[in-house]
Amino acid sequence: MNPISNNDRAQVLIDALPYIQKYNNKIVVVKYGGNAMTNKELKDAVMKDIVLLSLVGIKVVLVHGGGPEISDMLKKLGIESRFVNGLRYTDEATVDVVKMVLAGKVNKELVQLLAQHKGTAVGLCGIDGQMLMAKRKESPDGEDLGYVGDIVRVNTKPILDALSNGNIPVIATVATDEFGSTYNVNADTAAARIAAELGAENLILMTDIVGLLRDKDNPDTLIPSINVSEVPFMKRQGIISGGMIPKIDCCVEAVRRGVKKTAIIDGRVPHSILIEILSSEGIGTQFT
């Protein structure tokens, strides 16, 4: 592969300029998970992207899950992983592990990685400053989910304080209630609610698929843009089905609560965040 010429390098920066200006001093919330979180090279690319965006004046908030890491730790401790309607059943022993793995191990590793790329990050979890207040989630069929939470309130002050000090907030999605119980909260749902409460310019959900496909078996049928009013019709048609339903519901909810744009992007593509934010084509499926 030929090295990029200085002229080409300059052109890349000039092409990115309108997008840097558009997002300057604006908040972008990135939900980080999937393959991009477990593959070392992709993880490195994501951290570089976030540091670069931060250095050009974009306020990035990184919200993360850590399902595989939680499952690994439960296995080591001999605690069975059980799922109800796609949600992890979370008893008292499991919620302690969730808190330990997400707020301790995963969160601090991401802060450390950002620091290695000369980014200044601060690790937070939903319990800090009562950032994420939750209530016990009710399963549609009435089955007990344990300590799985639905967010009832977001206190944005800890996040805004971190941003105003020039830090990248890295948020683990555990929440609390007024009685001091800890809840495991779905990271997509948390990211959507945080983006809405912050009045974010963009919410980006990183996934392990190219975006929403008209034909799920054909990656060439990517739907690049959807108006949220089209979503119920697409559900009836079966275009939106299965595991995509909760992700797309999060995008719709965020847009309805005032986020300018949301996007589901392919985290398996190196630098997909930069492609989404700093180009006209973007990547994946965007909701407006």
C-alpha atoms as a PDB file:
ATOM      1  CA  MET A   1       0.000   0.000   0.000  1.00  0.00           C
ATOM      2  CA  ASN A   2       1.398   3.407  -0.989  1.00  0.00           C
ATOM      3  CA  PRO A   3       1.863   5.870   1.878  1.00  0.00           C
ATOM      4  CA  ILE A   4      -0.592   8.764   1.803  1.00  0.00           C
ATOM      5  CA  SER A   5       0.864  11.932   0.232  1.00  0.00           C
ATOM      6  CA  ASN A   6       1.021  15.238   2.096  1.00  0.00           C
ATOM      7  CA  ASN A   7      -1.505  16.699  -0.370  1.00  0.00           C
ATOM      8  CA  ASP A   8      -3.950  13.863   0.326  1.00  0.00           C
ATOM      9  CA  ARG A   9      -3.403  14.242   4.052  1.00  0.00           C
ATOM     10  CA  ALA A  10      -4.194  17.969   3.838  1.00  0.00           C
ATOM     11  CA  GLN A  11      -7.313  17.241   1.751  1.00  0.00           C
ATOM     12  CA  VAL A  12      -8.592  14.773   4.352  1.00  0.00           C
ATOM     13  CA  LEU A  13      -8.337  17.461   7.030  1.00  0.00           C
ATOM     14  CA  ILE A  14     -10.027  20.085   4.825  1.00  0.00           C
ATOM     15  CA  ASP A  15     -12.876  17.646   4.054  1.00  0.00           C
ATOM     16  CA  ALA A  16     -13.350  17.036   7.783  1.00  0.00           C
ATOM     17  CA  LEU A  17     -13.387  20.757   8.649  1.00  0.00           C
ATOM     18  CA  PRO A  18     -17.175  21.410   8.181  1.00  0.00           C
ATOM     19  CA  TYR A  19     -17.970  18.473  10.475  1.00  0.00           C
ATOM     20  CA  ILE A  20     -15.439  19.558  13.095  1.00  0.00           C
ATOM     21  CA  GLN A  21     -17.073  23.019  13.005  1.00  0.00           C
ATOM     22  CA  LYS A  22     -20.582  21.506  13.207  1.00  0.00           C
ATOM     23  CA  TYR A  23     -19.761  19.433  16.285  1.00  0.00           C
ATOM     24  CA  ASN A  24     -17.397  21.890  17.987  1.00  0.00           C
ATOM     25  CA  ASN A  25     -18.358  22.253  21.648  1.00  0.00           C
ATOM     26  CA  LYS A  26     -21.322  19.885  21.113  1.00  0.00           C
ATOM     27  CA  ILE A  27     -21.910  16.662  23.046  1.00  0.00           C
ATOM     28  CA  VAL A  28     -21.683  13.276  21.321  1.00  0.00           C
ATOM     29  CA  VAL A  29     -22.623  10.165  23.327  1.00  0.00           C
ATOM     30  CA  VAL A  30     -21.013   6.899  22.205  1.00  0.00           C
ATOM     31  CA  LYS A  31     -22.344   3.574  23.472  1.00  0.00           C
ATOM     32  CA  TYR A  32     -19.395   1.220  23.311  1.00  0.00           C
ATOM     33  CA  GLY A  33     -19.805  -2.548  23.218  1.00  0.00           C
ATOM     34  CA  GLY A  34     -19.768  -5.667  21.069  1.00  0.00           C
ATOM     35  CA  ASN A  35     -16.747  -6.875  19.111  1.00  0.00           C
ATOM     36  CA  ALA A  36     -15.093  -3.433  19.235  1.00  0.00           C
ATOM     37  CA  MET A  37     -14.807  -3.951  22.983  1.00  0.00           C
ATOM     38  CA  THR A  38     -13.234  -7.425  22.883  1.00  0.00           C
ATOM     39  CA  ASN A  39     -10.898  -7.128  19.865  1.00  0.00           C
ATOM     40  CA  LYS A  40      -7.622  -5.436  20.909  1.00  0.00           C
ATOM     41  CA  GLU A  41      -6.963  -3.664  17.567  1.00  0.00           C
ATOM     42  CA  LEU A  42     -10.533  -2.356  17.331  1.00  0.00           C
ATOM     43  CA  LYS A  43     -10.429  -1.259  20.968  1.00  0.00           C
ATOM     44  CA  ASP A  44      -7.268   0.711  20.236  1.00  0.00           C
ATOM     45  CA  ALA A  45      -8.881   2.350  17.174  1.00  0.00           C
ATOM     46  CA  VAL A  46     -11.949   3.399  19.215  1.00  0.00           C
ATOM     47  CA  MET A  47      -9.784   4.974  21.926  1.00  0.00           C
ATOM     48  CA  LYS A  48      -7.775   6.909  19.300  1.00  0.00           C
ATOM     49  CA  ASP A  49     -11.018   8.119  17.668  1.00  0.00           C
ATOM     50  CA  ILE A  50     -12.386   9.389  20.977  1.00  0.00           C
ATOM     51  CA  VAL A  51      -9.158  11.189  21.894  1.00  0.00           C
ATOM     52  CA  LEU A  52      -8.989  12.796  18.434  1.00  0.00           C
ATOM     53  CA  LEU A  53     -12.607  14.020  18.631  1.00  0.00           C
ATOM     54  CA  SER A  54     -11.982  15.360  22.115  1.00  0.00           C
ATOM     55  CA  LEU A  55      -8.861  17.244  20.982  1.00  0.00           C
ATOM     56  CA  VAL A  56     -10.729  18.974  18.114  1.00  0.00           C
ATOM     57  CA  GLY A  57     -13.294  20.349  20.555  1.00  0.00           C
ATOM     58  CA  ILE A  58     -16.053  17.704  20.505  1.00  0.00           C
ATOM     59  CA  LYS A  59     -17.380  16.699  23.936  1.00  0.00           C
ATOM     60  CA  VAL A  60     -17.434  12.902  23.877  1.00  0.00           C
ATOM     61  CA  VAL A  61     -19.264  10.905  26.557  1.00  0.00           C
ATOM     62  CA  LEU A  62     -18.419   7.178  26.486  1.00  0.00           C
ATOM     63  CA  VAL A  63     -21.075   4.823  27.892  1.00  0.00           C
ATOM     64  CA  HIS A  64     -20.124   1.152  28.128  1.00  0.00           C
ATOM     65  CA  GLY A  65     -21.475  -2.252  29.012  1.00  0.00           C
ATOM     66  CA  GLY A  66     -19.424  -5.402  29.550  1.00  0.00           C
ATOM     67  CA  GLY A  67     -21.633  -8.479  29.198  1.00  0.00           C
ATOM     68  CA  PRO A  68     -18.884 -10.969  28.208  1.00  0.00           C
ATOM     69  CA  GLU A  69     -16.624  -9.794  31.069  1.00  0.00           C
ATOM     70  CA  ILE A  70     -19.504 -10.214  33.546  1.00  0.00           C
ATOM     71  CA  SER A  71     -20.251 -13.727  32.231  1.00  0.00           C
ATOM     72  CA  ASP A  72     -16.545 -14.680  32.542  1.00  0.00           C
ATOM     73  CA  MET A  73     -16.361 -13.477  36.140  1.00  0.00           C
ATOM     74  CA  LEU A  74     -19.630 -15.224  37.121  1.00  0.00           C
ATOM     75  CA  LYS A  75     -18.252 -18.437  35.606  1.00  0.00           C
ATOM     76  CA  LYS A  76     -15.014 -18.092  37.619  1.00  0.00           C
ATOM     77  CA  LEU A  77     -17.080 -17.605  40.791  1.00  0.00           C
ATOM     78  CA  GLY A  78     -19.361 -20.548  39.974  1.00  0.00           C
ATOM     79  CA  ILE A  79     -22.487 -18.381  39.606  1.00  0.00           C
ATOM     80  CA  GLU A  80     -24.821 -19.422  36.777  1.00  0.00           C
ATOM     81  CA  SER A  81     -25.678 -16.833  34.072  1.00  0.00           C
ATOM     82  CA  ARG A  82     -29.414 -16.887  33.380  1.00  0.00           C
ATOM     83  CA  PHE A  83     -31.297 -14.753  30.877  1.00  0.00           C
ATOM     84  CA  VAL A  84     -35.000 -13.816  30.868  1.00  0.00           C
ATOM     85  CA  ASN A  85     -36.281 -12.326  27.581  1.00  0.00           C
ATOM     86  CA  GLY A  86     -32.711 -11.395  26.629  1.00  0.00           C
ATOM     87  CA  LEU A  87     -32.007  -9.660  29.961  1.00  0.00           C
ATOM     88  CA  ARG A  88     -29.554 -11.058  32.528  1.00  0.00           C
ATOM     89  CA  TYR A  89     -31.366 -12.276  35.638  1.00  0.00           C
ATOM     90  CA  THR A  90     -29.583 -10.375  38.408  1.00  0.00           C
ATOM     91  CA  ASP A  91     -29.808 -11.652  41.982  1.00  0.00           C
ATOM     92  CA  GLU A  92     -27.857 -10.091  44.880  1.00  0.00           C
ATOM     93  CA  ALA A  93     -24.686 -12.096  44.195  1.00  0.00           C
ATOM     94  CA  THR A  94     -24.828 -11.255  40.475  1.00  0.00           C
ATOM     95  CA  VAL A  95     -25.430  -7.520  41.014  1.00  0.00           C
ATOM     96  CA  ASP A  96     -22.303  -7.387  43.205  1.00  0.00           C
ATOM     97  CA  VAL A  97     -20.300  -8.967  40.362  1.00  0.00           C
ATOM     98  CA  VAL A  98     -21.860  -6.580  37.799  1.00  0.00           C
ATOM     99  CA  LYS A  99     -20.864  -3.606  39.941  1.00  0.00           C
ATOM    100  CA  MET A 100     -17.346  -4.945  40.495  1.00  0.00           C
ATOM    101  CA  VAL A 101     -16.707  -5.818  36.825  1.00  0.00           C
ATOM    102  CA  LEU A 102     -18.347  -2.789  35.153  1.00  0.00           C
ATOM    103  CA  ALA A 103     -17.447   0.010  37.567  1.00  0.00           C
ATOM    104  CA  GLY A 104     -14.140  -1.513  38.623  1.00  0.00           C
ATOM    105  CA  LYS A 105     -12.409  -3.580  35.977  1.00  0.00           C
ATOM    106  CA  VAL A 106     -13.905  -2.521  32.602  1.00  0.00           C
ATOM    107  CA  ASN A 107     -14.366   1.158  33.445  1.00  0.00           C
ATOM    108  CA  LYS A 108     -10.848   1.654  34.753  1.00  0.00           C
ATOM    109  CA  GLU A 109      -9.278  -0.262  31.856  1.00  0.00           C
ATOM    110  CA  LEU A 110     -10.985   2.135  29.397  1.00  0.00           C
ATOM    111  CA  VAL A 111      -9.829   5.194  31.367  1.00  0.00           C
ATOM    112  CA  GLN A 112      -6.304   3.774  31.344  1.00  0.00           C
ATOM    113  CA  LEU A 113      -6.422   3.084  27.560  1.00  0.00           C
ATOM    114  CA  LEU A 114      -7.576   6.650  26.828  1.00  0.00           C
ATOM    115  CA  ALA A 115      -4.705   7.942  28.988  1.00  0.00           C
ATOM    116  CA  GLN A 116      -2.234   5.835  26.963  1.00  0.00           C
ATOM    117  CA  HIS A 117      -3.397   7.755  23.876  1.00  0.00           C
ATOM    118  CA  LYS A 118      -2.920  11.076  25.718  1.00  0.00           C
ATOM    119  CA  GLY A 119      -6.626  11.525  26.466  1.00  0.00           C
ATOM    120  CA  THR A 120      -7.761  12.782  29.859  1.00  0.00           C
ATOM    121  CA  ALA A 121     -10.651  10.618  31.021  1.00  0.00           C
ATOM    122  CA  VAL A 122     -12.522  10.195  34.261  1.00  0.00           C
ATOM    123  CA  GLY A 123     -14.321   6.967  35.188  1.00  0.00           C
ATOM    124  CA  LEU A 124     -17.852   7.259  36.543  1.00  0.00           C
ATOM    125  CA  CYS A 125     -20.714   4.895  37.233  1.00  0.00           C
ATOM    126  CA  GLY A 126     -24.415   5.598  37.614  1.00  0.00           C
ATOM    127  CA  ILE A 127     -24.123   5.452  41.409  1.00  0.00           C
ATOM    128  CA  ASP A 128     -21.704   8.439  41.491  1.00  0.00           C
ATOM    129  CA  GLY A 129     -23.598  11.590  42.454  1.00  0.00           C
ATOM    130  CA  GLN A 130     -26.818   9.546  42.017  1.00  0.00           C
ATOM    131  CA  MET A 131     -26.310  10.002  38.273  1.00  0.00           C
ATOM    132  CA  LEU A 132     -28.620   7.141  37.274  1.00  0.00           C
ATOM    133  CA  MET A 133     -31.646   6.603  39.504  1.00  0.00           C
ATOM    134  CA  ALA A 134     -33.595   3.442  38.743  1.00  0.00           C
ATOM    135  CA  LYS A 135     -36.546   1.315  39.739  1.00  0.00           C
ATOM    136  CA  ARG A 136     -36.902  -2.457  39.402  1.00  0.00           C
ATOM    137  CA  LYS A 137     -37.732  -3.410  35.807  1.00  0.00           C
ATOM    138  CA  GLU A 138     -40.915  -5.355  35.221  1.00  0.00           C
ATOM    139  CA  SER A 139     -40.714  -8.190  32.704  1.00  0.00           C
ATOM    140  CA  PRO A 140     -43.495  -8.136  30.033  1.00  0.00           C
ATOM    141  CA  ASP A 141     -44.614 -11.621  31.124  1.00  0.00           C
ATOM    142  CA  GLY A 142     -44.339 -10.807  34.829  1.00  0.00           C
ATOM    143  CA  GLU A 143     -41.257 -13.000  35.414  1.00  0.00           C
ATOM    144  CA  ASP A 144     -38.877 -11.687  38.087  1.00  0.00           C
ATOM    145  CA  LEU A 145     -35.638 -10.175  36.693  1.00  0.00           C
ATOM    146  CA  GLY A 146     -34.047  -9.455  40.066  1.00  0.00           C
ATOM    147  CA  TYR A 147     -31.938  -6.296  40.239  1.00  0.00           C
ATOM    148  CA  VAL A 148     -32.434  -5.189  36.625  1.00  0.00           C
ATOM    149  CA  GLY A 149     -33.335  -1.509  36.523  1.00  0.00           C
ATOM    150  CA  ASP A 150     -35.310   0.988  34.460  1.00  0.00           C
ATOM    151  CA  ILE A 151     -33.924   4.533  34.644  1.00  0.00           C
ATOM    152  CA  VAL A 152     -36.328   6.996  36.244  1.00  0.00           C
ATOM    153  CA  ARG A 153     -34.013  10.009  36.527  1.00  0.00           C
ATOM    154  CA  VAL A 154     -30.621  11.203  35.276  1.00  0.00           C
ATOM    155  CA  ASN A 155     -28.510  13.705  37.202  1.00  0.00           C
ATOM    156  CA  THR A 156     -26.239  15.183  34.518  1.00  0.00           C
ATOM    157  CA  LYS A 157     -24.099  17.259  36.911  1.00  0.00           C
ATOM    158  CA  PRO A 158     -21.246  14.706  37.348  1.00  0.00           C
ATOM    159  CA  ILE A 159     -21.040  14.316  33.548  1.00  0.00           C
ATOM    160  CA  LEU A 160     -21.138  18.058  32.825  1.00  0.00           C
ATOM    161  CA  ASP A 161     -18.559  18.714  35.579  1.00  0.00           C
ATOM    162  CA  ALA A 162     -16.199  16.193  33.948  1.00  0.00           C
ATOM    163  CA  LEU A 163     -16.713  17.743  30.485  1.00  0.00           C
ATOM    164  CA  SER A 164     -16.219  21.306  31.744  1.00  0.00           C
ATOM    165  CA  ASN A 165     -12.878  20.220  33.266  1.00  0.00           C
ATOM    166  CA  GLY A 166     -11.762  18.942  29.856  1.00  0.00           C
ATOM    167  CA  ASN A 167     -12.240  15.270  30.713  1.00  0.00           C
ATOM    168  CA  ILE A 168     -13.857  12.451  28.730  1.00  0.00           C
ATOM    169  CA  PRO A 169     -16.510  10.893  31.028  1.00  0.00           C
ATOM    170  CA  VAL A 170     -16.455   7.081  30.843  1.00  0.00           C
ATOM    171  CA  ILE A 171     -19.705   5.773  32.325  1.00  0.00           C
ATOM    172  CA  ALA A 172     -20.469   2.276  33.623  1.00  0.00           C
ATOM    173  CA  THR A 173     -24.197   1.546  33.548  1.00  0.00           C
ATOM    174  CA  VAL A 174     -25.001   0.507  37.083  1.00  0.00           C
ATOM    175  CA  ALA A 175     -27.699   2.533  38.841  1.00  0.00           C
ATOM    176  CA  THR A 176     -29.096   3.042  42.315  1.00  0.00           C
ATOM    177  CA  ASP A 177     -32.451   3.806  43.945  1.00  0.00           C
ATOM    178  CA  GLU A 178     -33.408   5.988  46.895  1.00  0.00           C
ATOM    179  CA  PHE A 179     -32.980   3.017  49.273  1.00  0.00           C
ATOM    180  CA  GLY A 180     -29.390   2.335  48.169  1.00  0.00           C
ATOM    181  CA  SER A 181     -30.010  -0.817  46.120  1.00  0.00           C
ATOM    182  CA  THR A 182     -27.833  -1.339  43.041  1.00  0.00           C
ATOM    183  CA  TYR A 183     -29.323  -2.157  39.625  1.00  0.00           C
ATOM    184  CA  ASN A 184     -27.919  -3.531  36.394  1.00  0.00           C
ATOM    185  CA  VAL A 185     -29.118  -1.270  33.532  1.00  0.00           C
ATOM    186  CA  ASN A 186     -29.021  -2.039  29.803  1.00  0.00           C
ATOM    187  CA  ALA A 187     -26.198   0.060  28.291  1.00  0.00           C
ATOM    188  CA  ASP A 188     -28.131   1.008  25.105  1.00  0.00           C
ATOM    189  CA  THR A 189     -31.058   2.261  27.185  1.00  0.00           C
ATOM    190  CA  ALA A 190     -28.751   4.168  29.545  1.00  0.00           C
ATOM    191  CA  ALA A 191     -26.832   5.791  26.667  1.00  0.00           C
ATOM    192  CA  ALA A 192     -30.090   6.925  25.012  1.00  0.00           C
ATOM    193  CA  ARG A 193     -31.421   8.455  28.226  1.00  0.00           C
ATOM    194  CA  ILE A 194     -28.081  10.125  29.066  1.00  0.00           C
ATOM    195  CA  ALA A 195     -27.858  11.575  25.520  1.00  0.00           C
ATOM    196  CA  ALA A 196     -31.391  12.968  25.819  1.00  0.00           C
ATOM    197  CA  GLU A 197     -30.804  14.545  29.234  1.00  0.00           C
ATOM    198  CA  LEU A 198     -27.542  16.124  28.004  1.00  0.00           C
ATOM    199  CA  GLY A 199     -29.237  17.482  24.854  1.00  0.00           C
ATOM    200  CA  ALA A 200     -26.601  15.667  22.786  1.00  0.00           C
ATOM    201  CA  GLU A 201     -26.029  16.438  19.115  1.00  0.00           C
ATOM    202  CA  ASN A 202     -25.545  12.766  18.306  1.00  0.00           C
ATOM    203  CA  LEU A 203     -25.962   9.343  19.922  1.00  0.00           C
ATOM    204  CA  ILE A 204     -23.903   6.544  18.373  1.00  0.00           C
ATOM    205  CA  LEU A 205     -24.593   2.899  19.234  1.00  0.00           C
ATOM    206  CA  MET A 206     -21.680   0.630  18.265  1.00  0.00           C
ATOM    207  CA  THR A 207     -22.864  -2.851  17.270  1.00  0.00           C
ATOM    208  CA  ASP A 208     -21.651  -6.010  15.532  1.00  0.00           C
ATOM    209  CA  ILE A 209     -23.773  -5.461  12.412  1.00  0.00           C
ATOM    210  CA  VAL A 210     -23.535  -3.016   9.489  1.00  0.00           C
ATOM    211  CA  GLY A 211     -26.807  -1.312  10.472  1.00  0.00           C
ATOM    212  CA  LEU A 212     -30.460  -1.974   9.692  1.00  0.00           C
ATOM    213  CA  LEU A 213     -30.854  -4.185   6.614  1.00  0.00           C
ATOM    214  CA  ARG A 214     -33.973  -4.399   4.443  1.00  0.00           C
ATOM    215  CA  ASP A 215     -33.042  -8.071   3.984  1.00  0.00           C
ATOM    216  CA  LYS A 216     -31.199  -9.318   7.076  1.00  0.00           C
ATOM    217  CA  ASP A 217     -29.254 -11.859   5.008  1.00  0.00           C
ATOM    218  CA  ASN A 218     -27.977  -9.327   2.462  1.00  0.00           C
ATOM    219  CA  PRO A 219     -25.482  -6.697   3.718  1.00  0.00           C
ATOM    220  CA  ASP A 220     -25.992  -4.746   0.464  1.00  0.00           C
ATOM    221  CA  THR A 221     -29.533  -3.823   1.572  1.00  0.00           C
ATOM    222  CA  LEU A 222     -28.384  -1.383   4.274  1.00  0.00           C
ATOM    223  CA  ILE A 223     -30.936   1.365   4.998  1.00  0.00           C
ATOM    224  CA  PRO A 224     -28.744   4.463   5.530  1.00  0.00           C
ATOM    225  CA  SER A 225     -31.379   6.788   6.982  1.00  0.00           C
ATOM    226  CA  ILE A 226     -34.776   6.433   8.665  1.00  0.00           C
ATOM    227  CA  ASN A 227     -37.273   8.961   9.968  1.00  0.00           C
ATOM    228  CA  VAL A 228     -38.482   7.769  13.384  1.00  0.00           C
ATOM    229  CA  SER A 229     -42.108   7.967  12.127  1.00  0.00           C
ATOM    230  CA  GLU A 230     -41.316   5.038   9.748  1.00  0.00           C
ATOM    231  CA  VAL A 231     -40.268   2.668  12.549  1.00  0.00           C
ATOM    232  CA  PRO A 232     -43.731   1.228  13.492  1.00  0.00           C
ATOM    233  CA  PHE A 233     -44.400   0.380   9.817  1.00  0.00           C
ATOM    234  CA  MET A 234     -40.971  -1.302   9.508  1.00  0.00           C
ATOM    235  CA  LYS A 235     -41.727  -3.397  12.603  1.00  0.00           C
ATOM    236  CA  ARG A 236     -45.017  -4.532  11.084  1.00  0.00           C
ATOM    237  CA  GLN A 237     -43.176  -5.459   7.875  1.00  0.00           C
ATOM    238  CA  GLY A 238     -40.646  -7.490   9.868  1.00  0.00           C
ATOM    239  CA  ILE A 239     -37.680  -5.373   8.677  1.00  0.00           C
ATOM    240  CA  ILE A 240     -37.100  -4.423  12.313  1.00  0.00           C
ATOM    241  CA  SER A 241     -37.242  -7.633  14.357  1.00  0.00           C
ATOM    242  CA  GLY A 242     -35.511  -9.675  17.056  1.00  0.00           C
ATOM    243  CA  GLY A 243     -32.515  -8.109  18.770  1.00  0.00           C
ATOM    244  CA  MET A 244     -32.734  -4.968  16.633  1.00  0.00           C
ATOM    245  CA  ILE A 245     -36.057  -3.928  18.216  1.00  0.00           C
ATOM    246  CA  PRO A 246     -34.648  -2.751  21.601  1.00  0.00           C
ATOM    247  CA  LYS A 247     -31.671  -0.991  19.943  1.00  0.00           C
ATOM    248  CA  ILE A 248     -33.899   0.884  17.489  1.00  0.00           C
ATOM    249  CA  ASP A 249     -36.402   1.698  20.256  1.00  0.00           C
ATOM    250  CA  CYS A 250     -33.496   3.369  22.095  1.00  0.00           C
ATOM    251  CA  CYS A 251     -32.670   5.443  19.003  1.00  0.00           C
ATOM    252  CA  VAL A 252     -36.315   6.477  18.546  1.00  0.00           C
ATOM    253  CA  GLU A 253     -36.648   7.363  22.233  1.00  0.00           C
ATOM    254  CA  ALA A 254     -33.483   9.514  22.100  1.00  0.00           C
ATOM    255  CA  VAL A 255     -34.660  11.419  18.994  1.00  0.00           C
ATOM    256  CA  ARG A 256     -38.122  11.969  20.510  1.00  0.00           C
ATOM    257  CA  ARG A 257     -36.456  13.334  23.651  1.00  0.00           C
ATOM    258  CA  GLY A 258     -34.494  15.886  21.624  1.00  0.00           C
ATOM    259  CA  VAL A 259     -31.233  14.250  20.448  1.00  0.00           C
ATOM    260  CA  LYS A 260     -30.605  15.695  16.951  1.00  0.00           C
ATOM    261  CA  LYS A 261     -29.458  12.431  15.382  1.00  0.00           C
ATOM    262  CA  THR A 262     -28.799   8.851  16.443  1.00  0.00           C
ATOM    263  CA  ALA A 263     -26.946   6.146  14.537  1.00  0.00           C
ATOM    264  CA  ILE A 264     -26.379   2.399  14.751  1.00  0.00           C
ATOM    265  CA  ILE A 265     -22.890   1.770  13.351  1.00  0.00           C
ATOM    266  CA  ASP A 266     -20.659  -1.248  12.726  1.00  0.00           C
ATOM    267  CA  GLY A 267     -18.062  -1.323  15.498  1.00  0.00           C
ATOM    268  CA  ARG A 268     -16.145  -4.030  13.597  1.00  0.00           C
ATOM    269  CA  VAL A 269     -14.995  -1.381  11.078  1.00  0.00           C
ATOM    270  CA  PRO A 270     -11.833   0.400  12.302  1.00  0.00           C
ATOM    271  CA  HIS A 271     -12.438   4.125  12.991  1.00  0.00           C
ATOM    272  CA  SER A 272     -16.192   3.781  12.338  1.00  0.00           C
ATOM    273  CA  ILE A 273     -16.840   6.645  14.812  1.00  0.00           C
ATOM    274  CA  LEU A 274     -14.709   9.035  12.746  1.00  0.00           C
ATOM    275  CA  ILE A 275     -16.412   7.914   9.521  1.00  0.00           C
ATOM    276  CA  GLU A 276     -19.821   8.542  11.122  1.00  0.00           C
ATOM    277  CA  ILE A 277     -19.034  12.002  12.514  1.00  0.00           C
ATOM    278  CA  LEU A 278     -16.491  13.474  10.103  1.00  0.00           C
ATOM    279  CA  SER A 279     -17.976  12.545   6.700  1.00  0.00           C
ATOM    280  CA  SER A 280     -21.139  13.279   4.724  1.00  0.00           C
ATOM    281  CA  GLU A 281     -21.836   9.591   3.985  1.00  0.00           C
ATOM    282  CA  GLY A 282     -21.529   8.390   7.573  1.00  0.00           C
ATOM    283  CA  ILE A 283     -21.720   4.674   8.246  1.00  0.00           C
ATOM    284  CA  GLY A 284     -24.546   2.388   9.368  1.00  0.00           C
ATOM    285  CA  THR A 285     -28.149   3.554   9.823  1.00  0.00           C
ATOM    286  CA  GLN A 286     -29.075   6.983  11.163  1.00  0.00           C
ATOM    287  CA  PHE A 287     -32.375   8.013  12.749  1.00  0.00           C
ATOM    288  CA  THR A 288     -33.685  11.564  12.589  1.00  0.00           C
END
